[in-house]
């Protein structure tokens, strides 16, 4: 199999999408983080694993944020 890469920009875009799309679309809890809940001026902080998909609103479950 002789594979010739003709356009490096195409390879970069394809590789970027191949890596970034699953991280953003699926709620894979890879990153340590904090959830800050603010009610009536009081803040409650709890540590929880976070996913990149939470930042764009996908895969967000309120039960995961407790």
PDB file of N, CA and C in Angstrom:
ATOM      1  N   UNK A   1       0.841  -1.171   0.000  1.00  0.00           N
ATOM      2  CA  UNK A   1       0.000   0.000   0.000  1.00  0.00           C
ATOM      3  C   UNK A   1       0.890   1.240   0.000  1.00  0.00           C
ATOM      4  N   UNK A   2       0.776   2.008  -1.038  1.00  0.00           N
ATOM      5  CA  UNK A   2       1.588   3.204  -1.179  1.00  0.00           C
ATOM      6  C   UNK A   2       0.706   4.427  -0.960  1.00  0.00           C
ATOM      7  N   UNK A   3       0.842   5.048   0.203  1.00  0.00           N
ATOM      8  CA  UNK A   3       0.023   6.205   0.554  1.00  0.00           C
ATOM      9  C   UNK A   3       0.858   7.466   0.406  1.00  0.00           C
ATOM     10  N   UNK A   4       0.392   8.360  -0.454  1.00  0.00           N
ATOM     11  CA  UNK A   4       1.090   9.627  -0.643  1.00  0.00           C
ATOM     12  C   UNK A   4       0.239  10.747  -0.066  1.00  0.00           C
ATOM     13  N   UNK A   5       0.850  11.529   0.786  1.00  0.00           N
ATOM     14  CA  UNK A   5       0.159  12.662   1.386  1.00  0.00           C
ATOM     15  C   UNK A   5       0.433  13.876   0.504  1.00  0.00           C
ATOM     16  N   UNK A   6      -0.608  14.330  -0.189  1.00  0.00           N
ATOM     17  CA  UNK A   6      -0.423  15.422  -1.142  1.00  0.00           C
ATOM     18  C   UNK A   6      -0.617  16.794  -0.506  1.00  0.00           C
ATOM     19  N   UNK A   7      -1.516  16.876   0.457  1.00  0.00           N
ATOM     20  CA  UNK A   7      -1.809  18.178   1.039  1.00  0.00           C
ATOM     21  C   UNK A   7      -1.759  18.073   2.564  1.00  0.00           C
ATOM     22  N   UNK A   8      -0.727  18.633   3.191  1.00  0.00           N
ATOM     23  CA  UNK A   8      -0.609  18.533   4.645  1.00  0.00           C
ATOM     24  C   UNK A   8      -1.733  19.249   5.396  1.00  0.00           C
ATOM     25  N   UNK A   9      -2.313  20.279   4.798  1.00  0.00           N
ATOM     26  CA  UNK A   9      -3.414  20.989   5.453  1.00  0.00           C
ATOM     27  C   UNK A   9      -4.616  20.065   5.592  1.00  0.00           C
ATOM     28  N   UNK A  10      -4.881  19.273   4.575  1.00  0.00           N
ATOM     29  CA  UNK A  10      -5.986  18.314   4.629  1.00  0.00           C
ATOM     30  C   UNK A  10      -5.743  17.272   5.712  1.00  0.00           C
ATOM     31  N   UNK A  11      -4.522  16.807   5.826  1.00  0.00           N
ATOM     32  CA  UNK A  11      -4.180  15.826   6.855  1.00  0.00           C
ATOM     33  C   UNK A  11      -4.334  16.446   8.240  1.00  0.00           C
ATOM     34  N   UNK A  12      -3.916  17.694   8.400  1.00  0.00           N
ATOM     35  CA  UNK A  12      -4.054  18.376   9.681  1.00  0.00           C
ATOM     36  C   UNK A  12      -5.523  18.525  10.068  1.00  0.00           C
ATOM     37  N   UNK A  13      -6.352  18.976   9.144  1.00  0.00           N
ATOM     38  CA  UNK A  13      -7.779  19.163   9.431  1.00  0.00           C
ATOM     39  C   UNK A  13      -8.437  17.831   9.761  1.00  0.00           C
ATOM     40  N   UNK A  14      -8.113  16.800   9.007  1.00  0.00           N
ATOM     41  CA  UNK A  14      -8.673  15.474   9.273  1.00  0.00           C
ATOM     42  C   UNK A  14      -8.246  14.966  10.650  1.00  0.00           C
ATOM     43  N   UNK A  15      -6.968  15.111  10.985  1.00  0.00           N
ATOM     44  CA  UNK A  15      -6.467  14.653  12.287  1.00  0.00           C
ATOM     45  C   UNK A  15      -7.079  15.454  13.431  1.00  0.00           C
ATOM     46  N   UNK A  16      -7.207  16.751  13.237  1.00  0.00           N
ATOM     47  CA  UNK A  16      -7.811  17.602  14.259  1.00  0.00           C
ATOM     48  C   UNK A  16      -9.247  17.173  14.534  1.00  0.00           C
ATOM     49  N   UNK A  17     -10.010  16.951  13.478  1.00  0.00           N
ATOM     50  CA  UNK A  17     -11.408  16.519  13.645  1.00  0.00           C
ATOM     51  C   UNK A  17     -11.483  15.135  14.270  1.00  0.00           C
ATOM     52  N   UNK A  18     -10.594  14.260  13.885  1.00  0.00           N
ATOM     53  CA  UNK A  18     -10.590  12.898  14.409  1.00  0.00           C
ATOM     54  C   UNK A  18     -10.337  12.887  15.917  1.00  0.00           C
ATOM     55  N   UNK A  19      -9.509  13.790  16.398  1.00  0.00           N
ATOM     56  CA  UNK A  19      -9.203  13.853  17.826  1.00  0.00           C
ATOM     57  C   UNK A  19     -10.195  14.739  18.581  1.00  0.00           C
ATOM     58  N   UNK A  20     -10.539  15.892  18.028  1.00  0.00           N
ATOM     59  CA  UNK A  20     -11.357  16.875  18.747  1.00  0.00           C
ATOM     60  C   UNK A  20     -12.830  16.498  18.823  1.00  0.00           C
ATOM     61  N   UNK A  21     -13.388  15.948  17.769  1.00  0.00           N
ATOM     62  CA  UNK A  21     -14.823  15.660  17.770  1.00  0.00           C
ATOM     63  C   UNK A  21     -15.246  14.688  18.868  1.00  0.00           C
ATOM     64  N   UNK A  22     -14.557  13.570  19.076  1.00  0.00           N
ATOM     65  CA  UNK A  22     -14.980  12.703  20.190  1.00  0.00           C
ATOM     66  C   UNK A  22     -14.839  13.370  21.558  1.00  0.00           C
ATOM     67  N   UNK A  23     -13.805  14.199  21.731  1.00  0.00           N
ATOM     68  CA  UNK A  23     -13.626  14.864  23.024  1.00  0.00           C
ATOM     69  C   UNK A  23     -14.726  15.880  23.292  1.00  0.00           C
ATOM     70  N   UNK A  24     -15.231  16.527  22.244  1.00  0.00           N
ATOM     71  CA  UNK A  24     -16.280  17.522  22.431  1.00  0.00           C
ATOM     72  C   UNK A  24     -17.679  16.932  22.390  1.00  0.00           C
ATOM     73  N   UNK A  25     -17.882  15.846  21.667  1.00  0.00           N
ATOM     74  CA  UNK A  25     -19.237  15.326  21.488  1.00  0.00           C
ATOM     75  C   UNK A  25     -19.643  14.279  22.512  1.00  0.00           C
ATOM     76  N   UNK A  26     -18.691  13.555  23.056  1.00  0.00           N
ATOM     77  CA  UNK A  26     -19.016  12.505  24.018  1.00  0.00           C
ATOM     78  C   UNK A  26     -18.587  12.943  25.416  1.00  0.00           C
ATOM     79  N   UNK A  27     -19.415  12.697  26.415  1.00  0.00           N
ATOM     80  CA  UNK A  27     -19.066  13.130  27.782  1.00  0.00           C
ATOM     81  C   UNK A  27     -18.030  12.212  28.429  1.00  0.00           C
ATOM     82  N   UNK A  28     -16.803  12.343  27.993  1.00  0.00           N
ATOM     83  CA  UNK A  28     -15.699  11.564  28.548  1.00  0.00           C
ATOM     84  C   UNK A  28     -15.073  12.406  29.656  1.00  0.00           C
ATOM     85  N   UNK A  29     -15.228  11.988  30.890  1.00  0.00           N
ATOM     86  CA  UNK A  29     -14.748  12.764  32.038  1.00  0.00           C
ATOM     87  C   UNK A  29     -13.252  12.545  32.230  1.00  0.00           C
ATOM     88  N   UNK A  30     -12.467  13.348  31.540  1.00  0.00           N
ATOM     89  CA  UNK A  30     -11.018  13.199  31.570  1.00  0.00           C
ATOM     90  C   UNK A  30     -10.306  14.201  32.464  1.00  0.00           C
ATOM     91  N   UNK A  31     -10.931  15.335  32.694  1.00  0.00           N
ATOM     92  CA  UNK A  31     -10.222  16.444  33.301  1.00  0.00           C
ATOM     93  C   UNK A  31     -10.707  16.707  34.722  1.00  0.00           C
ATOM     94  N   UNK A  32      -9.784  16.882  35.674  1.00  0.00           N
ATOM     95  CA  UNK A  32     -10.208  17.235  37.029  1.00  0.00           C
ATOM     96  C   UNK A  32     -10.712  18.675  37.042  1.00  0.00           C
ATOM     97  N   UNK A  33     -11.713  18.913  37.852  1.00  0.00           N
ATOM     98  CA  UNK A  33     -12.263  20.264  37.902  1.00  0.00           C
ATOM     99  C   UNK A  33     -13.059  20.497  39.158  1.00  0.00           C
ATOM    100  N   UNK A  34     -13.621  21.675  39.255  1.00  0.00           N
ATOM    101  CA  UNK A  34     -14.448  22.055  40.396  1.00  0.00           C
ATOM    102  C   UNK A  34     -15.792  22.551  39.894  1.00  0.00           C
ATOM    103  N   UNK A  35     -16.821  22.190  40.626  1.00  0.00           N
ATOM    104  CA  UNK A  35     -18.157  22.700  40.356  1.00  0.00           C
ATOM    105  C   UNK A  35     -18.474  23.691  41.460  1.00  0.00           C
ATOM    106  N   UNK A  36     -18.770  24.918  41.077  1.00  0.00           N
ATOM    107  CA  UNK A  36     -19.084  25.964  42.044  1.00  0.00           C
ATOM    108  C   UNK A  36     -20.569  26.267  41.933  1.00  0.00           C
ATOM    109  N   UNK A  37     -21.282  25.998  43.005  1.00  0.00           N
ATOM    110  CA  UNK A  37     -22.716  26.235  43.068  1.00  0.00           C
ATOM    111  C   UNK A  37     -22.952  27.461  43.934  1.00  0.00           C
ATOM    112  N   UNK A  38     -23.556  28.486  43.350  1.00  0.00           N
ATOM    113  CA  UNK A  38     -23.802  29.736  44.062  1.00  0.00           C
ATOM    114  C   UNK A  38     -25.301  29.928  44.241  1.00  0.00           C
ATOM    115  N   UNK A  39     -25.740  29.917  45.505  1.00  0.00           N
ATOM    116  CA  UNK A  39     -27.153  30.109  45.833  1.00  0.00           C
ATOM    117  C   UNK A  39     -27.252  31.193  46.894  1.00  0.00           C
ATOM    118  N   UNK A  40     -27.971  32.249  46.569  1.00  0.00           N
ATOM    119  CA  UNK A  40     -28.201  33.365  47.496  1.00  0.00           C
ATOM    120  C   UNK A  40     -26.907  33.930  48.083  1.00  0.00           C
ATOM    121  N   UNK A  41     -25.889  34.034  47.272  1.00  0.00           N
ATOM    122  CA  UNK A  41     -24.640  34.625  47.725  1.00  0.00           C
ATOM    123  C   UNK A  41     -23.690  33.675  48.417  1.00  0.00           C
ATOM    124  N   UNK A  42     -24.103  32.441  48.691  1.00  0.00           N
ATOM    125  CA  UNK A  42     -23.195  31.464  49.290  1.00  0.00           C
ATOM    126  C   UNK A  42     -22.699  30.527  48.200  1.00  0.00           C
ATOM    127  N   UNK A  43     -21.437  30.215  48.272  1.00  0.00           N
ATOM    128  CA  UNK A  43     -20.835  29.341  47.275  1.00  0.00           C
ATOM    129  C   UNK A  43     -20.466  28.007  47.896  1.00  0.00           C
ATOM    130  N   UNK A  44     -20.786  26.945  47.176  1.00  0.00           N
ATOM    131  CA  UNK A  44     -20.418  25.597  47.589  1.00  0.00           C
ATOM    132  C   UNK A  44     -19.567  25.007  46.470  1.00  0.00           C
ATOM    133  N   UNK A  45     -18.383  24.533  46.823  1.00  0.00           N
ATOM    134  CA  UNK A  45     -17.448  23.996  45.842  1.00  0.00           C
ATOM    135  C   UNK A  45     -17.281  22.502  46.058  1.00  0.00           C
ATOM    136  N   UNK A  46     -17.332  21.752  44.959  1.00  0.00           N
ATOM    137  CA  UNK A  46     -17.073  20.313  45.033  1.00  0.00           C
ATOM    138  C   UNK A  46     -16.207  19.910  43.847  1.00  0.00           C
ATOM    139  N   UNK A  47     -15.298  18.975  44.089  1.00  0.00           N
ATOM    140  CA  UNK A  47     -14.425  18.490  43.028  1.00  0.00           C
ATOM    141  C   UNK A  47     -15.141  17.407  42.244  1.00  0.00           C
ATOM    142  N   UNK A  48     -14.978  17.443  40.919  1.00  0.00           N
ATOM    143  CA  UNK A  48     -15.628  16.462  40.054  1.00  0.00           C
ATOM    144  C   UNK A  48     -14.859  16.374  38.740  1.00  0.00           C
ATOM    145  N   UNK A  49     -14.862  15.203  38.111  1.00  0.00           N
ATOM    146  CA  UNK A  49     -14.255  15.110  36.787  1.00  0.00           C
ATOM    147  C   UNK A  49     -15.129  15.821  35.760  1.00  0.00           C
ATOM    148  N   UNK A  50     -14.496  16.531  34.829  1.00  0.00           N
ATOM    149  CA  UNK A  50     -15.228  17.298  33.828  1.00  0.00           C
ATOM    150  C   UNK A  50     -14.855  16.848  32.424  1.00  0.00           C
ATOM    151  N   UNK A  51     -15.713  17.163  31.497  1.00  0.00           N
ATOM    152  CA  UNK A  51     -15.525  16.817  30.096  1.00  0.00           C
ATOM    153  C   UNK A  51     -15.575  18.079  29.255  1.00  0.00           C
ATOM    154  N   UNK A  52     -14.924  18.054  28.092  1.00  0.00           N
ATOM    155  CA  UNK A  52     -14.987  19.201  27.198  1.00  0.00           C
ATOM    156  C   UNK A  52     -16.388  19.420  26.656  1.00  0.00           C
ATOM    157  N   UNK A  53     -17.178  18.363  26.575  1.00  0.00           N
ATOM    158  CA  UNK A  53     -18.533  18.509  26.035  1.00  0.00           C
ATOM    159  C   UNK A  53     -19.420  19.338  26.953  1.00  0.00           C
ATOM    160  N   UNK A  54     -19.085  19.445  28.236  1.00  0.00           N
ATOM    161  CA  UNK A  54     -19.879  20.256  29.155  1.00  0.00           C
ATOM    162  C   UNK A  54     -19.783  21.742  28.810  1.00  0.00           C
ATOM    163  N   UNK A  55     -18.661  22.159  28.230  1.00  0.00           N
ATOM    164  CA  UNK A  55     -18.465  23.569  27.929  1.00  0.00           C
ATOM    165  C   UNK A  55     -19.334  24.045  26.774  1.00  0.00           C
ATOM    166  N   UNK A  56     -19.782  23.131  25.915  1.00  0.00           N
ATOM    167  CA  UNK A  56     -20.679  23.514  24.823  1.00  0.00           C
ATOM    168  C   UNK A  56     -22.087  22.994  25.067  1.00  0.00           C
ATOM    169  N   UNK A  57     -22.336  22.425  26.240  1.00  0.00           N
ATOM    170  CA  UNK A  57     -23.691  22.035  26.619  1.00  0.00           C
ATOM    171  C   UNK A  57     -24.126  20.659  26.180  1.00  0.00           C
ATOM    172  N   UNK A  58     -23.222  19.823  25.721  1.00  0.00           N
ATOM    173  CA  UNK A  58     -23.580  18.470  25.305  1.00  0.00           C
ATOM    174  C   UNK A  58     -23.211  17.478  26.391  1.00  0.00           C
ATOM    175  N   UNK A  59     -24.063  16.503  26.620  1.00  0.00           N
ATOM    176  CA  UNK A  59     -23.785  15.465  27.591  1.00  0.00           C
ATOM    177  C   UNK A  59     -23.903  15.912  29.029  1.00  0.00           C
ATOM    178  N   UNK A  60     -24.481  17.053  29.244  1.00  0.00           N
ATOM    179  CA  UNK A  60     -24.594  17.608  30.596  1.00  0.00           C
ATOM    180  C   UNK A  60     -25.765  16.960  31.318  1.00  0.00           C
ATOM    181  N   UNK A  61     -25.482  16.310  32.412  1.00  0.00           N
ATOM    182  CA  UNK A  61     -26.509  15.721  33.270  1.00  0.00           C
ATOM    183  C   UNK A  61     -26.414  16.390  34.637  1.00  0.00           C
ATOM    184  N   UNK A  62     -27.517  16.900  35.157  1.00  0.00           N
ATOM    185  CA  UNK A  62     -27.451  17.539  36.485  1.00  0.00           C
ATOM    186  C   UNK A  62     -26.943  16.593  37.573  1.00  0.00           C
ATOM    187  N   UNK A  63     -27.188  15.298  37.427  1.00  0.00           N
ATOM    188  CA  UNK A  63     -26.703  14.353  38.435  1.00  0.00           C
ATOM    189  C   UNK A  63     -25.181  14.231  38.412  1.00  0.00           C
ATOM    190  N   UNK A  64     -24.539  14.509  37.274  1.00  0.00           N
ATOM    191  CA  UNK A  64     -23.080  14.481  37.198  1.00  0.00           C
ATOM    192  C   UNK A  64     -22.453  15.670  37.907  1.00  0.00           C
ATOM    193  N   UNK A  65     -23.195  16.730  38.089  1.00  0.00           N
ATOM    194  CA  UNK A  65     -22.665  17.964  38.651  1.00  0.00           C
ATOM    195  C   UNK A  65     -22.835  18.059  40.161  1.00  0.00           C
ATOM    196  N   UNK A  66     -23.124  16.958  40.827  1.00  0.00           N
ATOM    197  CA  UNK A  66     -23.322  16.980  42.279  1.00  0.00           C
ATOM    198  C   UNK A  66     -22.190  16.249  42.949  1.00  0.00           C
TER     199      UNK A  66
END
